[in-house]
């Protein structure tokens, strides 16, 4: 038996359906992301923060090492994928209840053209993957000096 946790308040708060079923998400996420939600019970939580110089993603990956994950960019899509292995005794055990999920995952985000992909930084610490996606220089806000007459 697999337990899949859904927050119906979250689902009800989304207003736009997409053809593959499920609900679309904020513009930073794409429809491929919503489709993947139905394919696996394990979907690592991601926080997306907007900072002055960059966008930061915090990805919860408990129990994983950096060797268990891959981060790739292809055609403006940032993909974080990996696999969490079930413990060796999981096959033999008779679970009365299990709430942990194992298997492969893939989270994908459209990053557009404002990010300097050559300067993206990824660090893994205690099961938390932190990605810093710095803005391109030309995408950063600039102040224009106003000169007086003449």
N, C-alpha and C. Protein backbone atom coordinates (compact mmCIF):
# COMPACT_ATOMS: atom_id res chain seq x y z
N UNK A 1 0.84 -1.18 0.00
CA UNK A 1 0.00 0.00 0.00
C UNK A 1 0.89 1.23 0.00
N UNK A 2 0.60 2.16 -0.85
CA UNK A 2 1.34 3.41 -0.92
C UNK A 2 0.44 4.53 -0.45
N UNK A 3 0.95 5.36 0.43
CA UNK A 3 0.20 6.50 0.92
C UNK A 3 0.70 7.73 0.18
N UNK A 4 -0.22 8.43 -0.47
CA UNK A 4 0.13 9.66 -1.16
C UNK A 4 -0.56 10.80 -0.44
N UNK A 5 0.24 11.75 0.01
CA UNK A 5 -0.29 12.87 0.78
C UNK A 5 -0.60 14.02 -0.17
N UNK A 6 -1.80 14.56 -0.09
CA UNK A 6 -2.20 15.71 -0.90
C UNK A 6 -2.81 16.75 0.02
N UNK A 7 -2.50 17.99 -0.24
CA UNK A 7 -3.10 19.08 0.50
C UNK A 7 -4.22 19.66 -0.37
N UNK A 8 -5.45 19.31 -0.04
CA UNK A 8 -6.58 19.73 -0.86
C UNK A 8 -6.76 21.24 -0.85
N UNK A 9 -6.37 21.90 0.24
CA UNK A 9 -6.47 23.36 0.27
C UNK A 9 -5.56 23.94 -0.80
N UNK A 10 -4.40 23.36 -0.98
CA UNK A 10 -3.46 23.82 -2.00
C UNK A 10 -4.04 23.57 -3.39
N UNK A 11 -4.59 22.37 -3.60
CA UNK A 11 -5.18 22.04 -4.91
C UNK A 11 -6.36 22.97 -5.23
N UNK A 12 -7.21 23.25 -4.25
CA UNK A 12 -8.39 24.07 -4.48
C UNK A 12 -8.01 25.52 -4.76
N UNK A 13 -6.87 25.95 -4.23
CA UNK A 13 -6.45 27.33 -4.42
C UNK A 13 -5.90 27.61 -5.80
N UNK A 14 -5.61 26.61 -6.56
CA UNK A 14 -5.10 26.79 -7.92
C UNK A 14 -6.27 26.86 -8.88
N UNK A 15 -6.21 27.76 -9.82
CA UNK A 15 -7.39 28.00 -10.64
C UNK A 15 -7.29 27.50 -12.07
N UNK A 16 -6.14 27.03 -12.50
CA UNK A 16 -5.99 26.72 -13.91
C UNK A 16 -5.69 25.24 -14.13
N UNK A 17 -6.55 24.56 -14.87
CA UNK A 17 -6.31 23.14 -15.21
C UNK A 17 -5.40 23.07 -16.42
N UNK A 18 -4.66 21.99 -16.54
CA UNK A 18 -3.92 21.78 -17.77
C UNK A 18 -4.33 20.43 -18.34
N UNK A 19 -4.15 20.19 -19.65
CA UNK A 19 -4.72 19.01 -20.31
C UNK A 19 -4.31 17.67 -19.72
N UNK A 20 -3.16 17.57 -19.07
CA UNK A 20 -2.71 16.29 -18.55
C UNK A 20 -3.34 15.91 -17.22
N UNK A 21 -4.25 16.70 -16.70
CA UNK A 21 -4.83 16.44 -15.39
C UNK A 21 -4.04 17.17 -14.33
N UNK A 22 -4.60 17.33 -13.16
CA UNK A 22 -3.92 18.07 -12.08
C UNK A 22 -4.07 19.56 -12.30
N UNK A 23 -3.33 20.32 -11.53
CA UNK A 23 -3.45 21.77 -11.57
C UNK A 23 -2.11 22.37 -11.92
N UNK A 24 -2.14 23.44 -12.68
CA UNK A 24 -0.88 24.12 -12.98
C UNK A 24 -0.45 24.89 -11.74
N UNK A 25 0.79 25.31 -11.73
CA UNK A 25 1.33 26.00 -10.57
C UNK A 25 1.79 27.39 -10.96
N UNK A 26 2.44 28.06 -10.04
CA UNK A 26 2.93 29.42 -10.28
C UNK A 26 3.80 29.45 -11.53
N UNK A 27 3.97 30.63 -12.14
CA UNK A 27 4.72 30.73 -13.40
C UNK A 27 6.14 30.19 -13.32
N UNK A 28 6.76 30.16 -12.16
CA UNK A 28 8.13 29.66 -12.06
C UNK A 28 8.17 28.17 -12.33
N UNK A 29 7.08 27.49 -12.09
CA UNK A 29 7.00 26.05 -12.33
C UNK A 29 6.32 25.82 -13.67
N UNK A 30 6.58 24.69 -14.29
CA UNK A 30 5.94 24.43 -15.57
C UNK A 30 4.99 23.24 -15.47
N UNK A 31 4.23 22.99 -16.51
CA UNK A 31 3.23 21.92 -16.47
C UNK A 31 3.86 20.54 -16.35
N UNK A 32 5.08 20.38 -16.86
CA UNK A 32 5.76 19.09 -16.72
C UNK A 32 5.90 18.75 -15.24
N UNK A 33 6.12 19.76 -14.41
CA UNK A 33 6.24 19.59 -12.97
C UNK A 33 4.95 18.99 -12.39
N UNK A 34 3.81 19.52 -12.79
CA UNK A 34 2.54 19.02 -12.26
C UNK A 34 2.29 17.58 -12.70
N UNK A 35 2.68 17.25 -13.91
CA UNK A 35 2.49 15.88 -14.40
C UNK A 35 3.33 14.90 -13.60
N UNK A 36 4.54 15.31 -13.23
CA UNK A 36 5.43 14.42 -12.48
C UNK A 36 4.88 14.13 -11.09
N UNK A 37 4.10 15.04 -10.55
CA UNK A 37 3.54 14.85 -9.22
C UNK A 37 2.72 13.57 -9.14
N UNK A 38 2.04 13.21 -10.22
CA UNK A 38 1.19 12.04 -10.22
C UNK A 38 1.96 10.74 -10.44
N UNK A 39 3.22 10.82 -10.86
CA UNK A 39 3.98 9.63 -11.22
C UNK A 39 4.74 9.03 -10.05
N UNK A 40 4.93 9.77 -8.98
CA UNK A 40 5.71 9.27 -7.86
C UNK A 40 5.16 9.85 -6.58
N UNK A 41 5.19 9.04 -5.53
CA UNK A 41 4.69 9.58 -4.27
C UNK A 41 5.74 10.46 -3.61
N UNK A 42 7.00 10.35 -4.04
CA UNK A 42 8.03 11.20 -3.44
C UNK A 42 8.33 12.37 -4.35
N UNK A 43 8.10 13.53 -3.82
CA UNK A 43 8.32 14.79 -4.54
C UNK A 43 8.95 15.75 -3.55
N UNK A 44 10.27 15.90 -3.59
CA UNK A 44 10.94 16.74 -2.60
C UNK A 44 10.36 18.16 -2.57
N UNK A 45 10.22 18.68 -1.36
CA UNK A 45 9.72 20.05 -1.18
C UNK A 45 10.78 21.04 -1.63
N UNK A 46 10.33 22.11 -2.30
CA UNK A 46 11.23 23.15 -2.79
C UNK A 46 10.68 24.51 -2.38
N UNK A 47 11.54 25.33 -1.78
CA UNK A 47 11.22 26.73 -1.53
C UNK A 47 11.97 27.56 -2.57
N UNK A 48 11.30 28.56 -3.14
CA UNK A 48 11.93 29.45 -4.11
C UNK A 48 11.89 30.85 -3.53
N UNK A 49 13.07 31.44 -3.36
CA UNK A 49 13.18 32.77 -2.78
C UNK A 49 13.75 33.73 -3.81
N UNK A 50 13.19 34.93 -3.85
CA UNK A 50 13.73 35.96 -4.72
C UNK A 50 14.57 36.89 -3.87
N UNK A 51 15.85 37.00 -4.21
CA UNK A 51 16.76 37.90 -3.51
C UNK A 51 17.20 38.99 -4.48
N UNK A 52 17.91 39.98 -3.97
CA UNK A 52 18.32 41.12 -4.79
C UNK A 52 19.20 40.70 -5.96
N UNK A 53 20.14 39.80 -5.73
CA UNK A 53 21.12 39.43 -6.73
C UNK A 53 20.84 38.08 -7.42
N UNK A 54 19.89 37.31 -6.86
CA UNK A 54 19.71 35.94 -7.37
C UNK A 54 18.37 35.38 -6.93
N UNK A 55 18.02 34.26 -7.55
CA UNK A 55 16.91 33.43 -7.08
C UNK A 55 17.55 32.27 -6.35
N UNK A 56 16.98 31.90 -5.21
CA UNK A 56 17.53 30.80 -4.42
C UNK A 56 16.48 29.70 -4.31
N UNK A 57 16.90 28.46 -4.55
CA UNK A 57 16.04 27.30 -4.37
C UNK A 57 16.58 26.48 -3.21
N UNK A 58 15.70 26.11 -2.30
CA UNK A 58 16.04 25.23 -1.17
C UNK A 58 15.25 23.95 -1.38
N UNK A 59 15.97 22.85 -1.55
CA UNK A 59 15.34 21.57 -1.88
C UNK A 59 15.61 20.58 -0.75
N UNK A 60 14.54 20.08 -0.13
CA UNK A 60 14.69 19.11 0.96
C UNK A 60 14.93 17.72 0.38
N UNK A 61 16.10 17.16 0.70
CA UNK A 61 16.46 15.83 0.21
C UNK A 61 16.99 14.98 1.36
N UNK A 62 16.15 14.72 2.36
CA UNK A 62 16.63 13.97 3.53
C UNK A 62 17.11 12.57 3.15
N UNK A 63 18.24 12.21 3.72
CA UNK A 63 18.78 10.88 3.49
C UNK A 63 19.58 10.72 2.21
N UNK A 64 19.69 11.77 1.41
CA UNK A 64 20.44 11.69 0.16
C UNK A 64 21.80 12.37 0.30
N UNK A 65 22.75 11.86 -0.45
CA UNK A 65 24.07 12.47 -0.57
C UNK A 65 24.14 13.15 -1.92
N UNK A 66 25.16 13.97 -2.11
CA UNK A 66 25.27 14.66 -3.40
C UNK A 66 25.43 13.67 -4.56
N UNK A 67 25.96 12.49 -4.28
CA UNK A 67 26.12 11.49 -5.34
C UNK A 67 24.77 10.88 -5.77
N UNK A 68 23.71 11.12 -5.00
CA UNK A 68 22.38 10.59 -5.31
C UNK A 68 21.56 11.52 -6.20
N UNK A 69 22.09 12.73 -6.47
CA UNK A 69 21.30 13.72 -7.21
C UNK A 69 22.07 14.24 -8.41
N UNK A 70 21.32 14.81 -9.35
CA UNK A 70 21.91 15.47 -10.53
C UNK A 70 21.16 16.77 -10.76
N UNK A 71 21.89 17.81 -11.11
CA UNK A 71 21.31 19.10 -11.44
C UNK A 71 21.75 19.44 -12.86
N UNK A 72 20.78 19.69 -13.74
CA UNK A 72 21.08 19.96 -15.15
C UNK A 72 20.27 21.14 -15.65
N UNK A 73 20.80 21.78 -16.69
CA UNK A 73 20.06 22.84 -17.39
C UNK A 73 20.04 22.49 -18.86
N UNK A 74 18.84 22.55 -19.45
CA UNK A 74 18.69 22.28 -20.87
C UNK A 74 17.58 23.16 -21.42
N UNK A 75 17.90 24.00 -22.38
CA UNK A 75 16.91 24.88 -23.02
C UNK A 75 16.11 25.70 -22.03
N UNK A 76 16.78 26.30 -21.05
CA UNK A 76 16.10 27.16 -20.08
C UNK A 76 15.32 26.42 -19.01
N UNK A 77 15.49 25.11 -18.91
CA UNK A 77 14.82 24.31 -17.88
C UNK A 77 15.87 23.77 -16.92
N UNK A 78 15.74 24.12 -15.64
CA UNK A 78 16.61 23.59 -14.59
C UNK A 78 15.94 22.34 -14.04
N UNK A 79 16.65 21.22 -14.08
CA UNK A 79 16.10 19.95 -13.58
C UNK A 79 16.95 19.43 -12.43
N UNK A 80 16.26 19.01 -11.38
CA UNK A 80 16.90 18.39 -10.22
C UNK A 80 16.33 16.98 -10.15
N UNK A 81 17.18 15.98 -10.28
CA UNK A 81 16.69 14.61 -10.27
C UNK A 81 17.55 13.75 -9.36
N UNK A 82 17.00 12.62 -9.00
CA UNK A 82 17.75 11.71 -8.15
C UNK A 82 16.92 10.50 -7.78
N UNK A 83 17.46 9.74 -6.86
CA UNK A 83 16.78 8.52 -6.43
C UNK A 83 17.09 8.27 -4.97
N UNK A 84 16.05 7.99 -4.21
CA UNK A 84 16.22 7.60 -2.81
C UNK A 84 15.95 6.11 -2.73
N UNK A 85 16.96 5.35 -2.34
CA UNK A 85 16.86 3.89 -2.27
C UNK A 85 16.12 3.47 -1.00
N UNK A 86 15.29 2.45 -1.14
CA UNK A 86 14.64 1.86 0.03
C UNK A 86 15.70 1.11 0.83
N UNK A 87 15.55 1.07 2.16
CA UNK A 87 16.51 0.31 2.96
C UNK A 87 16.53 -1.16 2.52
N UNK A 88 17.65 -1.83 2.71
CA UNK A 88 17.81 -3.21 2.28
C UNK A 88 16.78 -4.16 2.86
N UNK A 89 16.29 -3.89 4.07
CA UNK A 89 15.32 -4.79 4.70
C UNK A 89 13.88 -4.48 4.32
N UNK A 90 13.65 -3.48 3.47
CA UNK A 90 12.28 -3.09 3.12
C UNK A 90 11.53 -4.20 2.40
N UNK A 91 12.23 -5.01 1.63
CA UNK A 91 11.58 -6.11 0.90
C UNK A 91 11.07 -7.19 1.85
N UNK A 92 11.82 -7.44 2.91
CA UNK A 92 11.48 -8.52 3.84
C UNK A 92 10.53 -8.07 4.96
N UNK A 93 10.53 -6.79 5.23
CA UNK A 93 9.77 -6.29 6.38
C UNK A 93 8.26 -6.34 6.11
N UNK A 94 7.52 -6.54 7.18
CA UNK A 94 6.06 -6.50 7.10
C UNK A 94 5.63 -5.19 7.78
N UNK A 95 5.45 -4.17 6.96
CA UNK A 95 5.12 -2.85 7.49
C UNK A 95 3.67 -2.82 7.94
N UNK A 96 3.43 -2.25 9.11
CA UNK A 96 2.08 -1.97 9.56
C UNK A 96 1.63 -0.63 9.00
N UNK A 97 2.59 0.25 8.79
CA UNK A 97 2.32 1.56 8.20
C UNK A 97 3.64 2.10 7.66
N UNK A 98 3.58 2.70 6.51
CA UNK A 98 4.78 3.35 5.97
C UNK A 98 4.38 4.69 5.38
N UNK A 99 5.11 5.72 5.76
CA UNK A 99 4.84 7.06 5.25
C UNK A 99 6.02 7.62 4.47
N UNK A 100 7.12 6.90 4.46
CA UNK A 100 8.28 7.34 3.68
C UNK A 100 8.14 6.83 2.26
N UNK A 101 8.59 7.61 1.33
CA UNK A 101 8.55 7.22 -0.07
C UNK A 101 9.97 7.09 -0.60
N UNK A 102 10.14 6.18 -1.52
CA UNK A 102 11.44 5.93 -2.13
C UNK A 102 11.27 5.91 -3.63
N UNK A 103 12.37 5.96 -4.32
CA UNK A 103 12.34 5.89 -5.77
C UNK A 103 12.91 7.15 -6.39
N UNK A 104 12.67 7.27 -7.68
CA UNK A 104 13.21 8.39 -8.46
C UNK A 104 12.31 9.61 -8.36
N UNK A 105 12.91 10.76 -8.55
CA UNK A 105 12.16 12.01 -8.61
C UNK A 105 12.82 12.91 -9.65
N UNK A 106 12.07 13.87 -10.13
CA UNK A 106 12.60 14.92 -10.99
C UNK A 106 11.76 16.16 -10.78
N UNK A 107 12.40 17.25 -10.41
CA UNK A 107 11.73 18.55 -10.29
C UNK A 107 12.32 19.45 -11.37
N UNK A 108 11.47 20.11 -12.13
CA UNK A 108 11.92 20.95 -13.24
C UNK A 108 11.35 22.35 -13.11
N UNK A 109 12.19 23.35 -13.43
CA UNK A 109 11.81 24.75 -13.29
C UNK A 109 12.26 25.52 -14.53
N UNK A 110 11.36 26.32 -15.06
CA UNK A 110 11.71 27.19 -16.18
C UNK A 110 12.42 28.41 -15.62
N UNK A 111 13.67 28.64 -16.04
CA UNK A 111 14.43 29.76 -15.46
C UNK A 111 14.54 30.94 -16.41
N UNK A 112 14.03 30.83 -17.60
CA UNK A 112 14.03 31.95 -18.53
C UNK A 112 15.43 32.38 -18.91
N UNK A 113 15.57 33.64 -19.34
CA UNK A 113 16.87 34.12 -19.79
C UNK A 113 17.48 35.17 -18.86
N UNK A 114 16.92 35.36 -17.68
CA UNK A 114 17.44 36.35 -16.73
C UNK A 114 18.55 35.79 -15.85
N UNK A 115 18.75 34.47 -15.89
CA UNK A 115 19.72 33.82 -15.01
C UNK A 115 21.05 33.62 -15.75
N UNK A 116 22.15 33.88 -15.05
CA UNK A 116 23.49 33.62 -15.59
C UNK A 116 23.83 32.16 -15.28
N UNK A 117 23.57 31.27 -16.23
CA UNK A 117 23.71 29.83 -15.98
C UNK A 117 25.15 29.43 -15.69
N UNK A 118 26.12 30.21 -16.15
CA UNK A 118 27.53 29.89 -15.88
C UNK A 118 27.91 30.12 -14.42
N UNK A 119 27.09 30.87 -13.69
CA UNK A 119 27.43 31.21 -12.30
C UNK A 119 26.50 30.54 -11.29
N UNK A 120 25.68 29.60 -11.72
CA UNK A 120 24.80 28.89 -10.78
C UNK A 120 25.66 28.10 -9.80
N UNK A 121 25.29 28.18 -8.52
CA UNK A 121 26.03 27.49 -7.47
C UNK A 121 25.10 26.50 -6.76
N UNK A 122 25.59 25.30 -6.52
CA UNK A 122 24.80 24.27 -5.84
C UNK A 122 25.61 23.71 -4.68
N UNK A 123 25.00 23.67 -3.48
CA UNK A 123 25.66 23.08 -2.31
C UNK A 123 24.67 22.16 -1.61
N UNK A 124 25.19 21.09 -1.04
CA UNK A 124 24.37 20.12 -0.32
C UNK A 124 24.90 20.06 1.11
N UNK A 125 24.00 20.23 2.09
CA UNK A 125 24.40 20.17 3.49
C UNK A 125 23.25 19.61 4.32
N UNK A 126 23.51 18.50 4.98
CA UNK A 126 22.53 17.87 5.89
C UNK A 126 21.17 17.65 5.23
N UNK A 127 21.18 17.15 4.00
CA UNK A 127 19.93 16.84 3.32
C UNK A 127 19.22 18.03 2.70
N UNK A 128 19.88 19.19 2.67
CA UNK A 128 19.29 20.38 2.06
C UNK A 128 20.17 20.82 0.89
N UNK A 129 19.59 20.78 -0.30
CA UNK A 129 20.28 21.27 -1.49
C UNK A 129 19.92 22.74 -1.67
N UNK A 130 20.94 23.58 -1.77
CA UNK A 130 20.73 25.01 -1.99
C UNK A 130 21.30 25.37 -3.35
N UNK A 131 20.44 25.93 -4.19
CA UNK A 131 20.87 26.40 -5.51
C UNK A 131 20.74 27.91 -5.54
N UNK A 132 21.80 28.59 -5.94
CA UNK A 132 21.77 30.04 -6.09
C UNK A 132 21.89 30.33 -7.58
N UNK A 133 20.86 30.97 -8.12
CA UNK A 133 20.78 31.28 -9.54
C UNK A 133 20.93 32.79 -9.71
N UNK A 134 22.16 33.28 -9.93
CA UNK A 134 22.37 34.73 -10.02
C UNK A 134 21.78 35.31 -11.31
N UNK A 135 21.25 36.53 -11.17
CA UNK A 135 20.73 37.22 -12.34
C UNK A 135 21.88 37.64 -13.25
N UNK A 136 21.62 37.71 -14.55
CA UNK A 136 22.58 38.28 -15.49
C UNK A 136 22.74 39.76 -15.16
N UNK A 137 23.90 40.32 -15.42
CA UNK A 137 24.13 41.74 -15.14
C UNK A 137 23.08 42.62 -15.81
N UNK A 138 22.76 42.32 -17.07
CA UNK A 138 21.80 43.17 -17.79
C UNK A 138 20.37 43.01 -17.26
N UNK A 139 20.11 41.99 -16.44
CA UNK A 139 18.78 41.77 -15.88
C UNK A 139 18.59 42.45 -14.54
N UNK A 140 19.69 42.89 -13.92
CA UNK A 140 19.60 43.51 -12.60
C UNK A 140 19.06 44.93 -12.73
N UNK A 141 18.29 45.38 -11.74
CA UNK A 141 17.78 46.75 -11.77
C UNK A 141 18.93 47.75 -11.73
N UNK A 142 18.78 48.85 -12.45
CA UNK A 142 19.81 49.88 -12.48
C UNK A 142 19.18 51.22 -12.18
N UNK A 143 19.93 52.08 -11.53
CA UNK A 143 19.50 53.46 -11.30
C UNK A 143 20.08 54.32 -12.41
N UNK A 144 19.28 55.21 -12.93
CA UNK A 144 19.72 56.14 -13.96
C UNK A 144 19.83 57.52 -13.33
N UNK A 145 21.02 58.11 -13.45
CA UNK A 145 21.22 59.45 -12.89
C UNK A 145 20.54 60.48 -13.78
N UNK A 146 19.79 61.36 -13.18
CA UNK A 146 19.13 62.43 -13.91
C UNK A 146 20.01 63.67 -13.81
N UNK A 147 20.40 64.20 -14.96
CA UNK A 147 21.26 65.38 -15.00
C UNK A 147 20.42 66.63 -15.21
N UNK A 148 20.95 67.74 -14.80
CA UNK A 148 20.23 69.01 -14.94
C UNK A 148 20.66 69.71 -16.22
N UNK A 149 19.64 70.15 -17.00
CA UNK A 149 19.74 70.97 -18.21
C UNK A 149 21.04 70.92 -18.99
N UNK A 150 21.01 71.50 -20.15
CA UNK A 150 22.11 71.87 -20.87
C UNK A 150 22.83 71.26 -21.89
